[in-house]
Amino acid sequence: MNTSSGVQGITESDIAEYLANTPGFFERQAELLSTIQLTSPHGNRAVSLQERQMEMLRERIKGLERKIMDMVRSGQENVAIADRLHRWTHSILLTQAPADLPGVVLEELKMEFMIPQAGMRLWDIDPAFIGRTFTRPVSEDARSFATSLPVPYCGLNSGFEAVRWLDDPSEVRSLAMIPLRHGEQSPAFGLIILASPEATRFAPGLGLEFLQRIGELSSAALTRLHPVL
């Protein structure tokens, strides 16, 4: 027998619609509330309608509590990230010598965000800085690659040239590459690479907005190394 249909073609949907549109039904038939028995979701025992409603309410409350805790944890994490970003930016602003900026950018990033390895290359900058580590030769392919990045790259190490800029390339499993540019449509004048031996540290799409902010702030600071026009 089909449980969704009953006498004279009345369906469960018809009954549900009637009860939903007739709020006074259970007021007039109050004795039904004490006689209706349902199966508890926590066992095979029978419970009253009121008990079942209370169980449903408790489950909803638990679900809301979990959501609130997730929101609290997320908020705390965001505050911690904002604090680290603030300290990193503060260190950059306090750096007086332009030649020291690339090192400060990288070392403070590594310290604040616990990044195992980081590197940087800059090109088209003031000749006075030639000979520094951050001005070592970069191939045209690597420059073109940096310019082609509309957003930072985040993912597995696929043998990128930039990995060779690091102290221990063999330990790199995942990385982020952040292009440095003056504006969205400008060609890149440099590239920052952040690397980890963990394959999931820089997963594709992870924290791209944050990495973009790092790129924007770094680009603004490093303009001090460009030729004075």
N, C-alpha and C. Protein backbone atom coordinates (compact mmCIF):
# COMPACT_ATOMS: atom_id res chain seq x y z
N MET A 1 0.84 -1.20 0.00
CA MET A 1 0.00 0.00 0.00
C MET A 1 0.88 1.25 0.00
N ASN A 2 0.53 2.24 -0.82
CA ASN A 2 1.31 3.48 -0.89
C ASN A 2 1.01 4.34 0.33
N THR A 3 2.06 4.63 1.14
CA THR A 3 1.85 5.38 2.38
C THR A 3 1.60 6.86 2.12
N SER A 4 1.84 7.30 0.88
CA SER A 4 1.64 8.70 0.57
C SER A 4 0.20 9.03 0.21
N SER A 5 -0.64 8.00 0.13
CA SER A 5 -2.04 8.22 -0.23
C SER A 5 -2.93 7.54 0.79
N GLY A 6 -4.15 7.98 0.88
CA GLY A 6 -5.06 7.42 1.88
C GLY A 6 -6.47 7.30 1.34
N VAL A 7 -7.45 7.36 2.25
CA VAL A 7 -8.85 7.19 1.89
C VAL A 7 -9.30 8.29 0.96
N GLN A 8 -10.07 7.90 -0.10
CA GLN A 8 -10.67 8.84 -1.04
C GLN A 8 -9.63 9.73 -1.71
N GLY A 9 -8.43 9.20 -1.91
CA GLY A 9 -7.41 9.92 -2.66
C GLY A 9 -6.75 11.04 -1.90
N ILE A 10 -6.97 11.15 -0.59
CA ILE A 10 -6.30 12.19 0.20
C ILE A 10 -4.84 11.79 0.40
N THR A 11 -3.95 12.69 0.08
CA THR A 11 -2.52 12.40 0.19
C THR A 11 -1.94 13.02 1.46
N GLU A 12 -0.73 12.60 1.80
CA GLU A 12 -0.03 13.18 2.95
C GLU A 12 0.18 14.68 2.74
N SER A 13 0.42 15.07 1.48
CA SER A 13 0.60 16.49 1.19
C SER A 13 -0.66 17.29 1.47
N ASP A 14 -1.82 16.67 1.14
CA ASP A 14 -3.10 17.33 1.43
C ASP A 14 -3.27 17.55 2.93
N ILE A 15 -2.91 16.51 3.70
CA ILE A 15 -3.05 16.60 5.16
C ILE A 15 -2.10 17.66 5.71
N ALA A 16 -0.84 17.63 5.22
CA ALA A 16 0.14 18.59 5.69
C ALA A 16 -0.28 20.01 5.36
N GLU A 17 -0.83 20.22 4.16
CA GLU A 17 -1.28 21.55 3.77
C GLU A 17 -2.45 22.01 4.62
N TYR A 18 -3.36 21.08 4.90
CA TYR A 18 -4.51 21.42 5.74
C TYR A 18 -4.06 21.86 7.14
N LEU A 19 -3.14 21.07 7.74
CA LEU A 19 -2.68 21.40 9.09
C LEU A 19 -1.91 22.72 9.10
N ALA A 20 -1.12 22.97 8.04
CA ALA A 20 -0.36 24.22 7.97
C ALA A 20 -1.28 25.42 7.84
N ASN A 21 -2.40 25.24 7.16
CA ASN A 21 -3.33 26.34 6.94
C ASN A 21 -4.45 26.40 7.98
N THR A 22 -4.40 25.49 8.95
CA THR A 22 -5.44 25.46 9.98
C THR A 22 -4.76 25.43 11.34
N PRO A 23 -4.19 26.55 11.79
CA PRO A 23 -3.44 26.57 13.04
C PRO A 23 -4.27 26.23 14.27
N GLY A 24 -5.58 26.37 14.19
CA GLY A 24 -6.42 26.08 15.36
C GLY A 24 -6.79 24.62 15.52
N PHE A 25 -6.32 23.78 14.56
CA PHE A 25 -6.72 22.37 14.62
C PHE A 25 -6.29 21.71 15.92
N PHE A 26 -5.01 21.84 16.28
CA PHE A 26 -4.52 21.17 17.48
C PHE A 26 -5.02 21.83 18.76
N GLU A 27 -5.48 23.08 18.65
CA GLU A 27 -6.11 23.69 19.81
C GLU A 27 -7.46 23.04 20.08
N ARG A 28 -8.16 22.75 19.00
CA ARG A 28 -9.47 22.11 19.15
C ARG A 28 -9.33 20.61 19.42
N GLN A 29 -8.22 20.02 18.98
CA GLN A 29 -7.99 18.59 19.17
C GLN A 29 -6.75 18.38 20.04
N ALA A 30 -6.70 19.06 21.17
CA ALA A 30 -5.51 19.04 22.02
C ALA A 30 -5.14 17.65 22.51
N GLU A 31 -6.14 16.78 22.68
CA GLU A 31 -5.85 15.44 23.19
C GLU A 31 -4.99 14.63 22.22
N LEU A 32 -4.99 15.00 20.94
CA LEU A 32 -4.19 14.27 19.96
C LEU A 32 -2.69 14.41 20.25
N LEU A 33 -2.30 15.58 20.74
CA LEU A 33 -0.89 15.83 20.98
C LEU A 33 -0.28 14.85 21.97
N SER A 34 -1.08 14.41 22.93
CA SER A 34 -0.57 13.48 23.95
C SER A 34 -0.63 12.02 23.49
N THR A 35 -1.34 11.76 22.41
CA THR A 35 -1.48 10.37 21.95
C THR A 35 -0.60 10.03 20.76
N ILE A 36 -0.16 11.07 20.03
CA ILE A 36 0.68 10.83 18.86
C ILE A 36 2.04 10.33 19.30
N GLN A 37 2.49 9.21 18.77
CA GLN A 37 3.77 8.61 19.10
C GLN A 37 4.66 8.58 17.86
N LEU A 38 5.90 9.05 18.02
CA LEU A 38 6.87 9.05 16.93
C LEU A 38 8.10 8.26 17.35
N THR A 39 8.91 7.86 16.37
CA THR A 39 10.14 7.14 16.66
C THR A 39 11.26 8.14 16.91
N SER A 40 11.99 7.96 17.99
CA SER A 40 13.10 8.84 18.31
C SER A 40 14.26 8.60 17.34
N PRO A 41 14.93 9.66 16.87
CA PRO A 41 16.09 9.48 15.99
C PRO A 41 17.29 8.89 16.71
N HIS A 42 17.23 8.82 18.04
CA HIS A 42 18.34 8.31 18.84
C HIS A 42 18.08 6.89 19.34
N GLY A 43 17.16 6.21 18.70
CA GLY A 43 16.84 4.84 19.11
C GLY A 43 15.49 4.44 18.56
N ASN A 44 15.05 3.24 18.86
CA ASN A 44 13.78 2.76 18.34
C ASN A 44 12.61 3.01 19.29
N ARG A 45 12.87 3.69 20.40
CA ARG A 45 11.80 3.93 21.36
C ARG A 45 10.83 4.97 20.81
N ALA A 46 9.58 4.86 21.25
CA ALA A 46 8.54 5.80 20.84
C ALA A 46 8.56 7.01 21.76
N VAL A 47 8.36 8.19 21.18
CA VAL A 47 8.31 9.42 21.96
C VAL A 47 7.08 10.20 21.54
N SER A 48 6.65 11.10 22.40
CA SER A 48 5.49 11.92 22.09
C SER A 48 5.88 13.00 21.09
N LEU A 49 4.90 13.64 20.51
CA LEU A 49 5.15 14.72 19.55
C LEU A 49 5.93 15.85 20.21
N GLN A 50 5.54 16.17 21.47
CA GLN A 50 6.25 17.24 22.17
C GLN A 50 7.72 16.89 22.38
N GLU A 51 7.99 15.61 22.76
CA GLU A 51 9.38 15.19 22.95
C GLU A 51 10.16 15.28 21.64
N ARG A 52 9.50 14.86 20.55
CA ARG A 52 10.17 14.91 19.25
C ARG A 52 10.48 16.35 18.86
N GLN A 53 9.57 17.27 19.15
CA GLN A 53 9.81 18.67 18.86
C GLN A 53 10.98 19.21 19.68
N MET A 54 11.04 18.80 20.95
CA MET A 54 12.14 19.23 21.80
C MET A 54 13.48 18.70 21.28
N GLU A 55 13.50 17.44 20.80
CA GLU A 55 14.73 16.88 20.25
C GLU A 55 15.17 17.64 19.01
N MET A 56 14.19 17.98 18.16
CA MET A 56 14.51 18.75 16.95
C MET A 56 15.06 20.13 17.32
N LEU A 57 14.45 20.74 18.35
CA LEU A 57 14.91 22.05 18.78
C LEU A 57 16.33 21.99 19.33
N ARG A 58 16.62 20.93 20.11
CA ARG A 58 17.97 20.77 20.66
C ARG A 58 18.99 20.60 19.54
N GLU A 59 18.62 19.83 18.50
CA GLU A 59 19.54 19.63 17.38
C GLU A 59 19.80 20.95 16.65
N ARG A 60 18.76 21.75 16.51
CA ARG A 60 18.93 23.05 15.85
C ARG A 60 19.83 23.96 16.68
N ILE A 61 19.64 23.93 17.98
CA ILE A 61 20.47 24.75 18.87
C ILE A 61 21.93 24.32 18.78
N LYS A 62 22.17 22.99 18.77
CA LYS A 62 23.54 22.49 18.63
C LYS A 62 24.17 22.95 17.32
N GLY A 63 23.34 22.90 16.23
CA GLY A 63 23.84 23.35 14.94
C GLY A 63 24.20 24.82 14.95
N LEU A 64 23.37 25.64 15.60
CA LEU A 64 23.65 27.07 15.70
C LEU A 64 24.89 27.32 16.55
N GLU A 65 25.06 26.54 17.61
CA GLU A 65 26.24 26.68 18.46
C GLU A 65 27.51 26.38 17.67
N ARG A 66 27.45 25.33 16.83
CA ARG A 66 28.62 24.98 16.01
C ARG A 66 28.94 26.12 15.03
N LYS A 67 27.90 26.70 14.43
CA LYS A 67 28.12 27.79 13.49
C LYS A 67 28.72 29.00 14.19
N ILE A 68 28.22 29.29 15.39
CA ILE A 68 28.75 30.42 16.15
C ILE A 68 30.22 30.20 16.49
N MET A 69 30.56 28.97 16.91
CA MET A 69 31.95 28.66 17.25
C MET A 69 32.84 28.78 16.02
N ASP A 70 32.34 28.33 14.87
CA ASP A 70 33.11 28.47 13.62
C ASP A 70 33.35 29.94 13.30
N MET A 71 32.31 30.77 13.50
CA MET A 71 32.45 32.20 13.24
C MET A 71 33.46 32.83 14.19
N VAL A 72 33.42 32.41 15.46
CA VAL A 72 34.37 32.95 16.45
C VAL A 72 35.79 32.58 16.07
N ARG A 73 36.00 31.28 15.71
CA ARG A 73 37.34 30.83 15.33
C ARG A 73 37.83 31.58 14.09
N SER A 74 36.92 31.74 13.12
CA SER A 74 37.28 32.45 11.90
C SER A 74 37.65 33.90 12.21
N GLY A 75 36.87 34.52 13.09
CA GLY A 75 37.16 35.89 13.47
C GLY A 75 38.51 36.02 14.17
N GLN A 76 38.80 35.08 15.05
CA GLN A 76 40.08 35.10 15.76
C GLN A 76 41.24 34.92 14.79
N GLU A 77 41.07 34.01 13.82
CA GLU A 77 42.12 33.79 12.83
C GLU A 77 42.34 35.03 11.98
N ASN A 78 41.24 35.70 11.60
CA ASN A 78 41.36 36.90 10.79
C ASN A 78 42.08 38.02 11.55
N VAL A 79 41.78 38.13 12.85
CA VAL A 79 42.45 39.14 13.67
C VAL A 79 43.95 38.84 13.76
N ALA A 80 44.29 37.56 13.93
CA ALA A 80 45.70 37.17 14.02
C ALA A 80 46.43 37.49 12.72
N ILE A 81 45.79 37.21 11.58
CA ILE A 81 46.40 37.50 10.28
C ILE A 81 46.57 39.01 10.10
N ALA A 82 45.55 39.77 10.51
CA ALA A 82 45.63 41.23 10.39
C ALA A 82 46.78 41.78 11.25
N ASP A 83 46.97 41.20 12.43
CA ASP A 83 48.07 41.64 13.30
C ASP A 83 49.42 41.35 12.65
N ARG A 84 49.56 40.17 12.06
CA ARG A 84 50.83 39.82 11.41
C ARG A 84 51.10 40.75 10.22
N LEU A 85 50.05 40.99 9.44
CA LEU A 85 50.19 41.87 8.29
C LEU A 85 50.57 43.28 8.73
N HIS A 86 49.98 43.73 9.83
CA HIS A 86 50.30 45.05 10.37
C HIS A 86 51.78 45.12 10.78
N ARG A 87 52.27 44.11 11.47
CA ARG A 87 53.68 44.11 11.91
C ARG A 87 54.62 44.08 10.71
N TRP A 88 54.26 43.29 9.70
CA TRP A 88 55.07 43.20 8.49
C TRP A 88 55.14 44.56 7.80
N THR A 89 53.98 45.20 7.63
CA THR A 89 53.92 46.52 6.98
C THR A 89 54.69 47.56 7.80
N HIS A 90 54.57 47.48 9.11
CA HIS A 90 55.26 48.41 10.00
C HIS A 90 56.78 48.31 9.81
N SER A 91 57.27 47.08 9.70
CA SER A 91 58.71 46.87 9.49
C SER A 91 59.18 47.48 8.18
N ILE A 92 58.36 47.35 7.14
CA ILE A 92 58.72 47.92 5.84
C ILE A 92 58.78 49.44 5.92
N LEU A 93 57.79 50.03 6.59
CA LEU A 93 57.75 51.49 6.69
C LEU A 93 58.92 52.05 7.48
N LEU A 94 59.45 51.27 8.40
CA LEU A 94 60.58 51.72 9.22
C LEU A 94 61.93 51.55 8.51
N THR A 95 61.93 50.86 7.37
CA THR A 95 63.18 50.62 6.65
C THR A 95 63.59 51.87 5.87
N GLN A 96 64.73 52.42 6.21
CA GLN A 96 65.16 53.68 5.61
C GLN A 96 65.93 53.49 4.31
N ALA A 97 66.84 52.52 4.27
CA ALA A 97 67.67 52.32 3.08
C ALA A 97 66.91 51.50 2.04
N PRO A 98 66.70 52.02 0.83
CA PRO A 98 65.98 51.28 -0.20
C PRO A 98 66.58 49.90 -0.48
N ALA A 99 67.91 49.80 -0.45
CA ALA A 99 68.56 48.52 -0.74
C ALA A 99 68.22 47.45 0.27
N ASP A 100 67.78 47.85 1.46
CA ASP A 100 67.44 46.88 2.50
C ASP A 100 66.01 46.36 2.37
N LEU A 101 65.19 47.03 1.56
CA LEU A 101 63.77 46.68 1.49
C LEU A 101 63.50 45.23 1.05
N PRO A 102 64.12 44.73 -0.04
CA PRO A 102 63.83 43.34 -0.42
C PRO A 102 64.09 42.35 0.70
N GLY A 103 65.19 42.51 1.41
CA GLY A 103 65.50 41.60 2.51
C GLY A 103 64.49 41.71 3.63
N VAL A 104 64.06 42.93 3.97
CA VAL A 104 63.07 43.11 5.03
C VAL A 104 61.73 42.49 4.62
N VAL A 105 61.33 42.73 3.39
CA VAL A 105 60.06 42.15 2.89
C VAL A 105 60.06 40.64 3.07
N LEU A 106 61.13 39.99 2.65
CA LEU A 106 61.19 38.53 2.69
C LEU A 106 61.36 38.00 4.11
N GLU A 107 62.29 38.55 4.86
CA GLU A 107 62.56 38.03 6.20
C GLU A 107 61.37 38.21 7.14
N GLU A 108 60.69 39.35 7.03
CA GLU A 108 59.53 39.58 7.88
C GLU A 108 58.36 38.69 7.47
N LEU A 109 58.21 38.43 6.19
CA LEU A 109 57.18 37.49 5.73
C LEU A 109 57.43 36.10 6.30
N LYS A 110 58.68 35.67 6.22
CA LYS A 110 59.04 34.35 6.73
C LYS A 110 58.78 34.25 8.22
N MET A 111 59.12 35.28 8.96
CA MET A 111 58.96 35.25 10.41
C MET A 111 57.50 35.34 10.82
N GLU A 112 56.76 36.29 10.27
CA GLU A 112 55.39 36.52 10.70
C GLU A 112 54.46 35.38 10.28
N PHE A 113 54.69 34.81 9.10
CA PHE A 113 53.77 33.80 8.57
C PHE A 113 54.40 32.41 8.52
N MET A 114 55.54 32.24 9.19
CA MET A 114 56.18 30.94 9.32
C MET A 114 56.36 30.25 7.97
N ILE A 115 56.99 30.96 7.05
CA ILE A 115 57.24 30.45 5.71
C ILE A 115 58.68 29.93 5.65
N PRO A 116 58.88 28.66 5.32
CA PRO A 116 60.22 28.07 5.35
C PRO A 116 61.23 28.75 4.42
N GLN A 117 60.82 29.05 3.19
CA GLN A 117 61.75 29.65 2.24
C GLN A 117 61.05 30.76 1.45
N ALA A 118 61.82 31.78 1.11
CA ALA A 118 61.28 32.88 0.32
C ALA A 118 62.40 33.49 -0.52
N GLY A 119 62.04 33.97 -1.69
CA GLY A 119 63.01 34.59 -2.58
C GLY A 119 62.37 35.70 -3.39
N MET A 120 63.22 36.52 -4.02
CA MET A 120 62.74 37.64 -4.82
C MET A 120 63.75 38.00 -5.89
N ARG A 121 63.22 38.40 -7.05
CA ARG A 121 64.05 38.98 -8.09
C ARG A 121 63.35 40.23 -8.62
N LEU A 122 64.17 41.25 -8.88
CA LEU A 122 63.67 42.51 -9.43
C LEU A 122 64.43 42.84 -10.71
N TRP A 123 63.78 43.47 -11.65
CA TRP A 123 64.44 43.91 -12.87
C TRP A 123 63.93 45.31 -13.24
N ASP A 124 64.64 45.94 -14.17
CA ASP A 124 64.30 47.31 -14.60
C ASP A 124 64.34 48.29 -13.41
N ILE A 125 65.32 48.12 -12.52
CA ILE A 125 65.44 49.01 -11.38
C ILE A 125 66.69 49.88 -11.53
N ASP A 126 66.92 50.76 -10.59
CA ASP A 126 68.06 51.67 -10.65
C ASP A 126 69.38 50.88 -10.72
N PRO A 127 70.25 51.21 -11.70
CA PRO A 127 71.54 50.50 -11.83
C PRO A 127 72.39 50.54 -10.57
N ALA A 128 72.10 51.46 -9.68
CA ALA A 128 72.90 51.56 -8.45
C ALA A 128 72.77 50.30 -7.60
N PHE A 129 71.71 49.51 -7.82
CA PHE A 129 71.49 48.32 -7.00
C PHE A 129 71.98 47.04 -7.68
N ILE A 130 72.53 47.17 -8.89
CA ILE A 130 73.03 45.99 -9.59
C ILE A 130 74.14 45.34 -8.76
N GLY A 131 74.10 44.02 -8.69
CA GLY A 131 75.07 43.28 -7.91
C GLY A 131 74.47 42.72 -6.63
N ARG A 132 73.32 43.24 -6.25
CA ARG A 132 72.63 42.70 -5.07
C ARG A 132 71.97 41.37 -5.44
N THR A 133 71.71 40.56 -4.43
CA THR A 133 71.09 39.25 -4.68
C THR A 133 69.78 39.37 -5.43
N PHE A 134 68.99 40.36 -5.08
CA PHE A 134 67.66 40.49 -5.70
C PHE A 134 67.71 40.98 -7.15
N THR A 135 68.93 41.33 -7.64
CA THR A 135 69.04 41.77 -9.05
C THR A 135 69.75 40.73 -9.91
N ARG A 136 69.96 39.53 -9.39
CA ARG A 136 70.61 38.49 -10.19
C ARG A 136 69.80 38.21 -11.46
N PRO A 137 70.46 37.70 -12.50
CA PRO A 137 69.79 37.54 -13.80
C PRO A 137 68.51 36.71 -13.74
N VAL A 138 67.53 37.16 -14.50
CA VAL A 138 66.25 36.47 -14.65
C VAL A 138 65.98 36.33 -16.14
N SER A 139 65.62 35.14 -16.57
CA SER A 139 65.38 34.91 -17.99
C SER A 139 64.15 35.68 -18.48
N GLU A 140 64.10 35.89 -19.80
CA GLU A 140 62.94 36.56 -20.40
C GLU A 140 61.67 35.75 -20.18
N ASP A 141 61.81 34.42 -20.20
CA ASP A 141 60.64 33.57 -19.96
C ASP A 141 60.07 33.81 -18.57
N ALA A 142 60.95 33.91 -17.57
CA ALA A 142 60.50 34.14 -16.20
C ALA A 142 59.85 35.52 -16.07
N ARG A 143 60.39 36.51 -16.75
CA ARG A 143 59.80 37.85 -16.72
C ARG A 143 58.42 37.84 -17.37
N SER A 144 58.34 37.18 -18.51
CA SER A 144 57.05 37.09 -19.21
C SER A 144 56.03 36.33 -18.36
N PHE A 145 56.50 35.29 -17.69
CA PHE A 145 55.60 34.51 -16.83
C PHE A 145 55.05 35.39 -15.70
N ALA A 146 55.92 36.18 -15.08
CA ALA A 146 55.49 37.07 -14.00
C ALA A 146 54.45 38.06 -14.50
N THR A 147 54.70 38.63 -15.68
CA THR A 147 53.75 39.59 -16.25
C THR A 147 52.42 38.94 -16.60
N SER A 148 52.46 37.66 -16.97
CA SER A 148 51.24 36.96 -17.38
C SER A 148 50.33 36.59 -16.21
N LEU A 149 50.84 36.71 -14.99
CA LEU A 149 50.04 36.32 -13.83
C LEU A 149 49.06 37.44 -13.45
N PRO A 150 47.76 37.25 -13.67
CA PRO A 150 46.79 38.27 -13.25
C PRO A 150 46.61 38.28 -11.73
N VAL A 151 46.83 37.11 -11.13
CA VAL A 151 46.79 36.96 -9.67
C VAL A 151 47.95 36.06 -9.28
N PRO A 152 48.34 36.03 -8.01
CA PRO A 152 49.44 35.15 -7.60
C PRO A 152 49.17 33.69 -7.94
N TYR A 153 50.24 32.99 -8.29
CA TYR A 153 50.15 31.55 -8.51
C TYR A 153 50.28 30.85 -7.16
N CYS A 154 49.44 29.84 -6.97
CA CYS A 154 49.48 29.09 -5.72
C CYS A 154 49.26 27.62 -6.08
N GLY A 155 50.23 26.76 -5.80
CA GLY A 155 50.07 25.36 -6.13
C GLY A 155 51.35 24.56 -5.98
N LEU A 156 51.39 23.42 -6.63
CA LEU A 156 52.53 22.52 -6.54
C LEU A 156 53.73 23.04 -7.33
N ASN A 157 54.90 22.60 -6.93
CA ASN A 157 56.13 22.94 -7.64
C ASN A 157 56.21 22.14 -8.93
N SER A 158 56.21 22.84 -10.04
CA SER A 158 56.27 22.17 -11.34
C SER A 158 57.56 22.52 -12.09
N GLY A 159 58.62 22.72 -11.34
CA GLY A 159 59.90 23.00 -11.96
C GLY A 159 60.06 24.43 -12.44
N PHE A 160 59.48 25.38 -11.73
CA PHE A 160 59.57 26.78 -12.12
C PHE A 160 61.00 27.31 -11.92
N GLU A 161 61.39 28.22 -12.79
CA GLU A 161 62.73 28.82 -12.68
C GLU A 161 62.92 29.50 -11.32
N ALA A 162 61.85 30.13 -10.81
CA ALA A 162 61.94 30.89 -9.56
C ALA A 162 62.35 30.01 -8.38
N VAL A 163 62.07 28.72 -8.45
CA VAL A 163 62.44 27.82 -7.35
C VAL A 163 63.95 27.79 -7.16
N ARG A 164 64.68 28.00 -8.25
CA ARG A 164 66.14 27.97 -8.17
C ARG A 164 66.71 29.19 -7.44
N TRP A 165 65.88 30.17 -7.16
CA TRP A 165 66.34 31.34 -6.42
C TRP A 165 66.46 31.05 -4.92
N LEU A 166 65.90 29.94 -4.48
CA LEU A 166 65.84 29.62 -3.06
C LEU A 166 67.08 28.89 -2.59
N ASP A 167 67.28 28.86 -1.30
CA ASP A 167 68.46 28.21 -0.72
C ASP A 167 68.43 26.71 -0.90
N ASP A 168 67.25 26.11 -0.83
CA ASP A 168 67.14 24.64 -0.93
C ASP A 168 65.98 24.27 -1.85
N PRO A 169 66.15 24.38 -3.17
CA PRO A 169 65.09 24.09 -4.12
C PRO A 169 64.54 22.67 -4.02
N SER A 170 65.38 21.71 -3.62
CA SER A 170 64.95 20.31 -3.58
C SER A 170 63.88 20.06 -2.52
N GLU A 171 63.72 20.98 -1.57
CA GLU A 171 62.76 20.82 -0.49
C GLU A 171 61.40 21.44 -0.80
N VAL A 172 61.25 22.00 -1.98
CA VAL A 172 60.01 22.73 -2.32
C VAL A 172 58.99 21.79 -2.95
N ARG A 173 57.83 21.67 -2.30
CA ARG A 173 56.73 20.88 -2.85
C ARG A 173 55.54 21.75 -3.27
N SER A 174 55.30 22.82 -2.52
CA SER A 174 54.26 23.76 -2.91
C SER A 174 54.80 25.17 -2.77
N LEU A 175 54.23 26.09 -3.55
CA LEU A 175 54.76 27.45 -3.54
C LEU A 175 53.71 28.46 -3.96
N ALA A 176 54.01 29.72 -3.64
CA ALA A 176 53.20 30.84 -4.11
C ALA A 176 54.15 31.80 -4.81
N MET A 177 53.73 32.31 -5.97
CA MET A 177 54.53 33.29 -6.71
C MET A 177 53.69 34.54 -6.89
N ILE A 178 54.23 35.65 -6.41
CA ILE A 178 53.49 36.91 -6.37
C ILE A 178 54.15 37.92 -7.31
N PRO A 179 53.47 38.32 -8.38
CA PRO A 179 54.06 39.30 -9.29
C PRO A 179 54.07 40.69 -8.66
N LEU A 180 55.10 41.45 -8.97
CA LEU A 180 55.22 42.83 -8.49
C LEU A 180 55.03 43.75 -9.68
N ARG A 181 54.09 44.68 -9.54
CA ARG A 181 53.80 45.60 -10.64
C ARG A 181 53.24 46.90 -10.08
N HIS A 182 53.24 47.94 -10.92
CA HIS A 182 52.76 49.25 -10.49
C HIS A 182 51.23 49.34 -10.56
N GLY A 183 50.62 48.57 -11.41
CA GLY A 183 49.17 48.59 -11.56
C GLY A 183 48.71 47.32 -12.23
N GLU A 184 47.38 47.11 -12.28
CA GLU A 184 46.85 45.86 -12.82
C GLU A 184 47.28 45.61 -14.25
N GLN A 185 47.40 46.66 -15.05
CA GLN A 185 47.73 46.51 -16.47
C GLN A 185 49.23 46.69 -16.75
N SER A 186 50.01 46.96 -15.72
CA SER A 186 51.44 47.20 -15.92
C SER A 186 52.22 45.88 -15.99
N PRO A 187 53.31 45.85 -16.76
CA PRO A 187 54.16 44.65 -16.77
C PRO A 187 54.82 44.48 -15.41
N ALA A 188 55.12 43.25 -15.07
CA ALA A 188 55.76 42.98 -13.78
C ALA A 188 57.20 43.48 -13.78
N PHE A 189 57.65 44.00 -12.64
CA PHE A 189 59.05 44.40 -12.50
C PHE A 189 59.78 43.50 -11.49
N GLY A 190 59.07 42.45 -11.03
CA GLY A 190 59.69 41.53 -10.08
C GLY A 190 58.75 40.40 -9.71
N LEU A 191 59.27 39.48 -8.93
CA LEU A 191 58.49 38.32 -8.52
C LEU A 191 58.97 37.85 -7.15
N ILE A 192 58.01 37.62 -6.26
CA ILE A 192 58.28 37.04 -4.95
C ILE A 192 57.86 35.58 -4.98
N ILE A 193 58.67 34.71 -4.41
CA ILE A 193 58.32 33.30 -4.30
C ILE A 193 58.36 32.88 -2.84
N LEU A 194 57.28 32.24 -2.40
CA LEU A 194 57.18 31.69 -1.05
C LEU A 194 57.04 30.19 -1.19
N ALA A 195 57.81 29.42 -0.44
CA ALA A 195 57.84 27.97 -0.67
C ALA A 195 57.78 27.18 0.62
N SER A 196 57.28 25.94 0.47
CA SER A 196 57.14 25.05 1.63
C SER A 196 57.40 23.60 1.22
N PRO A 197 57.91 22.77 2.14
CA PRO A 197 58.06 21.34 1.84
C PRO A 197 56.74 20.59 1.95
N GLU A 198 55.69 21.25 2.41
CA GLU A 198 54.37 20.62 2.52
C GLU A 198 53.57 20.85 1.25
N ALA A 199 53.02 19.78 0.70
CA ALA A 199 52.29 19.88 -0.57
C ALA A 199 51.00 20.69 -0.45
N THR A 200 50.44 20.77 0.76
CA THR A 200 49.16 21.45 0.94
C THR A 200 49.30 22.87 1.49
N ARG A 201 50.52 23.32 1.78
CA ARG A 201 50.69 24.65 2.38
C ARG A 201 50.19 25.73 1.44
N PHE A 202 50.55 25.64 0.17
CA PHE A 202 50.10 26.62 -0.82
C PHE A 202 49.23 25.91 -1.86
N ALA A 203 48.03 25.54 -1.44
CA ALA A 203 47.09 24.84 -2.32
C ALA A 203 46.50 25.81 -3.33
N PRO A 204 46.13 25.32 -4.53
CA PRO A 204 45.56 26.22 -5.56
C PRO A 204 44.36 27.00 -5.02
N GLY A 205 44.38 28.31 -5.26
CA GLY A 205 43.26 29.15 -4.87
C GLY A 205 43.25 29.56 -3.40
N LEU A 206 44.20 29.05 -2.63
CA LEU A 206 44.19 29.30 -1.18
C LEU A 206 44.76 30.68 -0.86
N GLY A 207 43.95 31.53 -0.22
CA GLY A 207 44.41 32.83 0.25
C GLY A 207 44.89 33.77 -0.84
N LEU A 208 44.30 33.71 -2.05
CA LEU A 208 44.78 34.55 -3.14
C LEU A 208 44.58 36.03 -2.84
N GLU A 209 43.48 36.39 -2.20
CA GLU A 209 43.23 37.80 -1.88
C GLU A 209 44.31 38.33 -0.95
N PHE A 210 44.68 37.51 0.05
CA PHE A 210 45.74 37.92 0.98
C PHE A 210 47.07 38.06 0.24
N LEU A 211 47.40 37.12 -0.64
CA LEU A 211 48.65 37.18 -1.40
C LEU A 211 48.67 38.40 -2.32
N GLN A 212 47.51 38.76 -2.86
CA GLN A 212 47.44 39.96 -3.69
C GLN A 212 47.77 41.21 -2.87
N ARG A 213 47.28 41.25 -1.63
CA ARG A 213 47.58 42.40 -0.77
C ARG A 213 49.08 42.47 -0.48
N ILE A 214 49.69 41.31 -0.27
CA ILE A 214 51.14 41.26 -0.07
C ILE A 214 51.85 41.83 -1.30
N GLY A 215 51.38 41.43 -2.47
CA GLY A 215 51.99 41.91 -3.71
C GLY A 215 51.82 43.41 -3.89
N GLU A 216 50.65 43.93 -3.58
CA GLU A 216 50.40 45.36 -3.74
C GLU A 216 51.26 46.19 -2.79
N LEU A 217 51.32 45.76 -1.53
CA LEU A 217 52.12 46.49 -0.54
C LEU A 217 53.61 46.40 -0.87
N SER A 218 54.06 45.21 -1.27
CA SER A 218 55.48 45.05 -1.63
C SER A 218 55.83 45.90 -2.84
N SER A 219 54.95 45.88 -3.84
CA SER A 219 55.20 46.67 -5.05
C SER A 219 55.32 48.15 -4.72
N ALA A 220 54.42 48.64 -3.86
CA ALA A 220 54.46 50.06 -3.49
C ALA A 220 55.77 50.40 -2.78
N ALA A 221 56.19 49.52 -1.87
CA ALA A 221 57.42 49.78 -1.12
C ALA A 221 58.65 49.73 -2.02
N LEU A 222 58.67 48.78 -2.94
CA LEU A 222 59.86 48.57 -3.76
C LEU A 222 60.01 49.57 -4.91
N THR A 223 59.03 50.44 -5.09
CA THR A 223 59.18 51.48 -6.11
C THR A 223 60.34 52.41 -5.77
N ARG A 224 60.78 52.40 -4.52
CA ARG A 224 61.92 53.23 -4.12
C ARG A 224 63.22 52.77 -4.79
N LEU A 225 63.21 51.56 -5.35
CA LEU A 225 64.41 51.05 -6.02
C LEU A 225 64.43 51.36 -7.50
N HIS A 226 63.39 52.00 -8.00
CA HIS A 226 63.32 52.29 -9.42
C HIS A 226 64.06 53.60 -9.74
N PRO A 227 64.50 53.75 -10.98
CA PRO A 227 65.22 54.98 -11.35
C PRO A 227 64.36 56.20 -11.13
N VAL A 228 64.96 57.27 -10.69
CA VAL A 228 64.24 58.54 -10.50
C VAL A 228 64.08 59.20 -11.86
N LEU A 229 62.84 59.46 -12.22
CA LEU A 229 62.58 60.03 -13.55
C LEU A 229 62.67 61.56 -13.51
